Protein backbone atom coordinates (compact mmCIF):
# COMPACT_ATOMS: atom_id res chain seq x y z
CA MET A 1 8.94 -12.57 37.69
CA THR A 2 12.04 -14.43 36.25
CA LEU A 3 13.99 -17.09 38.60
CA VAL A 4 17.85 -17.03 37.97
CA LEU A 5 19.81 -19.64 39.79
CA ARG A 6 23.03 -18.26 40.68
CA THR A 7 26.14 -20.82 41.11
CA THR A 8 28.59 -18.24 41.52
CA ASP A 9 29.03 -14.72 43.29
CA HIS A 10 28.69 -12.62 39.64
CA THR A 11 25.24 -11.29 39.21
CA THR A 12 23.83 -11.78 35.82
CA GLU A 13 20.90 -10.05 34.05
CA PRO A 14 18.13 -12.07 32.91
CA ALA A 15 17.55 -12.84 29.28
CA PRO A 16 15.15 -10.55 27.93
CA VAL A 17 11.70 -11.81 27.59
CA LEU A 18 10.00 -12.13 24.17
CA PRO A 19 6.29 -10.50 24.27
CA ALA A 20 3.87 -12.96 24.56
CA LEU A 21 2.72 -12.28 21.23
CA LEU A 22 5.87 -13.33 19.58
CA ALA A 23 7.15 -15.87 22.30
CA GLY A 24 3.72 -17.99 21.53
CA THR A 25 3.17 -18.06 17.68
CA ASP A 26 3.19 -20.60 15.74
CA PRO A 27 5.03 -19.12 12.16
CA LEU A 28 2.65 -21.07 10.35
CA LEU A 29 0.02 -19.29 11.99
CA HIS A 30 1.89 -16.00 11.44
CA LEU A 31 1.66 -16.56 7.84
CA GLN A 32 -1.99 -17.80 7.66
CA ASN A 33 -2.79 -14.68 9.16
CA GLU A 34 -0.63 -12.39 6.60
CA THR A 35 -2.40 -14.14 3.46
CA GLU A 36 -6.15 -13.76 5.13
CA PRO A 37 -7.90 -10.85 3.97
CA ALA A 38 -8.05 -7.69 5.92
CA ASP A 39 -11.28 -6.91 7.72
CA GLY A 40 -12.50 -4.66 10.63
CA PRO A 41 -12.83 -1.08 10.82
CA GLY A 42 -9.07 -0.40 10.01
CA ALA A 43 -9.19 -2.42 6.70
CA THR A 44 -8.93 -0.82 3.17
CA ARG A 45 -10.92 -2.46 0.62
CA CYS A 46 -11.10 -1.90 -3.09
CA LEU A 47 -14.01 -3.25 -5.46
CA SER A 48 -14.36 -3.20 -9.38
CA HIS A 49 -17.44 -1.75 -10.50
CA PRO A 50 -17.75 -2.17 -14.20
CA HIS A 51 -21.46 -0.46 -14.61
CA GLU A 52 -22.87 2.66 -13.85
CA LEU A 53 -23.46 4.25 -10.68
CA ALA A 54 -26.47 6.16 -10.33
CA LEU A 55 -25.96 8.26 -6.89
CA GLY A 56 -29.43 9.51 -5.70
CA GLY A 57 -30.86 8.70 -9.10
CA ILE A 58 -28.34 10.94 -11.19
CA PRO A 59 -25.82 8.96 -12.96
CA ALA A 60 -22.18 9.43 -11.60
CA MET A 61 -19.72 11.16 -14.17
CA CYS A 62 -15.65 11.61 -13.95
CA SER A 63 -15.07 15.35 -14.05
CA GLY A 64 -11.74 14.38 -15.67
CA CYS A 65 -12.27 12.40 -18.35
CA GLN A 66 -16.38 12.40 -18.41
CA ALA A 67 -16.36 8.31 -18.08
CA ARG A 68 -19.70 6.93 -16.59
CA ARG A 69 -18.63 3.50 -16.06
CA ASP A 70 -15.74 1.12 -14.95
CA TRP A 71 -15.17 2.52 -11.57
CA LEU A 72 -12.87 1.33 -8.37
CA LEU A 73 -15.15 1.92 -5.10
CA ILE A 74 -12.39 1.78 -2.24
CA ASN A 75 -13.88 1.63 1.48
CA HIS A 76 -12.09 2.81 4.40
CA GLY A 77 -14.14 3.14 7.63
CA ARG A 78 -17.15 4.79 6.95
CA ASN A 79 -15.91 6.61 3.63
CA VAL A 80 -16.07 5.24 0.07
CA TRP A 81 -13.80 7.01 -2.71
CA VAL A 82 -14.99 6.53 -6.10
CA CYS A 83 -11.77 6.31 -8.62
CA CYS A 84 -11.69 6.36 -12.37
CA ARG A 85 -9.47 4.90 -14.65
CA CYS A 86 -8.08 8.36 -15.54
CA GLY A 87 -6.61 8.83 -12.12
CA ASP A 88 -9.18 10.80 -11.03
CA GLN A 89 -10.96 10.23 -7.29
CA TRP A 90 -13.31 11.78 -5.16
CA LEU A 91 -15.00 10.92 -1.78
CA GLU A 92 -18.68 10.25 -2.38
CA PRO A 93 -20.98 10.47 0.70
CA GLU A 94 -24.00 8.82 -1.06
CA ILE A 95 -22.08 5.66 -0.56
CA SER A 96 -22.12 4.23 2.84
CA ARG A 97 -20.05 1.36 4.09
CA ALA A 98 -23.19 -0.84 4.00
CA ASP A 99 -23.82 0.13 -0.06
CA PHE A 100 -20.35 -1.18 -0.49
CA ASP A 101 -21.01 -4.23 1.52
CA ALA A 102 -23.89 -4.88 -0.37
CA LEU A 103 -22.14 -4.35 -3.95
CA ILE A 104 -19.56 -7.40 -2.77
CA GLY A 105 -21.02 -10.40 -4.68
CA THR A 106 -17.72 -12.59 -5.01
CA PRO A 107 -15.69 -14.26 -2.29
CA ASP A 108 -12.32 -13.67 -4.67
CA VAL A 109 -9.92 -11.49 -2.70
CA THR A 110 -6.59 -10.16 -3.64
CA ASN A 111 -4.62 -8.50 -1.02
CA TYR A 112 -1.97 -5.91 -2.15
CA PRO A 113 0.69 -4.39 0.45
CA SER A 114 -0.92 -0.94 -0.27
CA VAL A 115 -3.46 1.21 -2.05
CA GLU A 116 -1.23 2.76 -4.43
CA GLN A 117 -0.14 -0.68 -5.49
CA ALA A 118 -3.64 -2.07 -5.71
CA LEU A 119 -4.59 1.12 -7.91
CA THR A 120 -1.81 0.26 -10.23
CA ALA A 121 -2.27 -3.52 -10.43
CA LEU A 122 -5.91 -2.70 -11.39
CA GLY A 123 -5.10 -0.16 -13.68
CA PHE A 124 -6.78 2.99 -11.74
CA ASP A 125 -3.55 4.94 -11.25
CA GLY A 126 -4.31 7.08 -14.53
CA ALA A 127 -2.11 4.90 -17.20
CA PHE A 128 -5.47 4.57 -19.23
CA ALA A 129 -6.42 8.53 -18.96
CA GLY A 130 -7.80 9.66 -22.64
CA ILE A 131 -8.49 6.46 -23.94
CA TYR A 132 -12.20 6.18 -22.73
CA LEU A 133 -14.31 5.33 -25.41
CA LYS A 134 -18.29 6.24 -25.05
């Protein structure tokens, strides 16, 4: 409830109240929250994995370029996708979120505005298609 003092006979509309989230947010705290790494169940995380992947004892191989190493693993929720430098990617049910978390060994985090920009920045957008050396 907003108290409005009236000194005349004219009625005035009270000023709109900002939502509690915006009214009490310090700009520096807001900037700090934007620069922190995204976490939680809705976060999308990427992890570079330069070594071979053995899924169920069988080495993973890209169906597009026959690559056997240098992967990008993308985790969103319970799902993990494997991306190749040629731009080929697939959902891999053999890798769980717990497996993905176990592979994270470094606290270095780079935040990207979108997954597409992360793929481009890390070189997994297909720019290196056809140059895989065995």
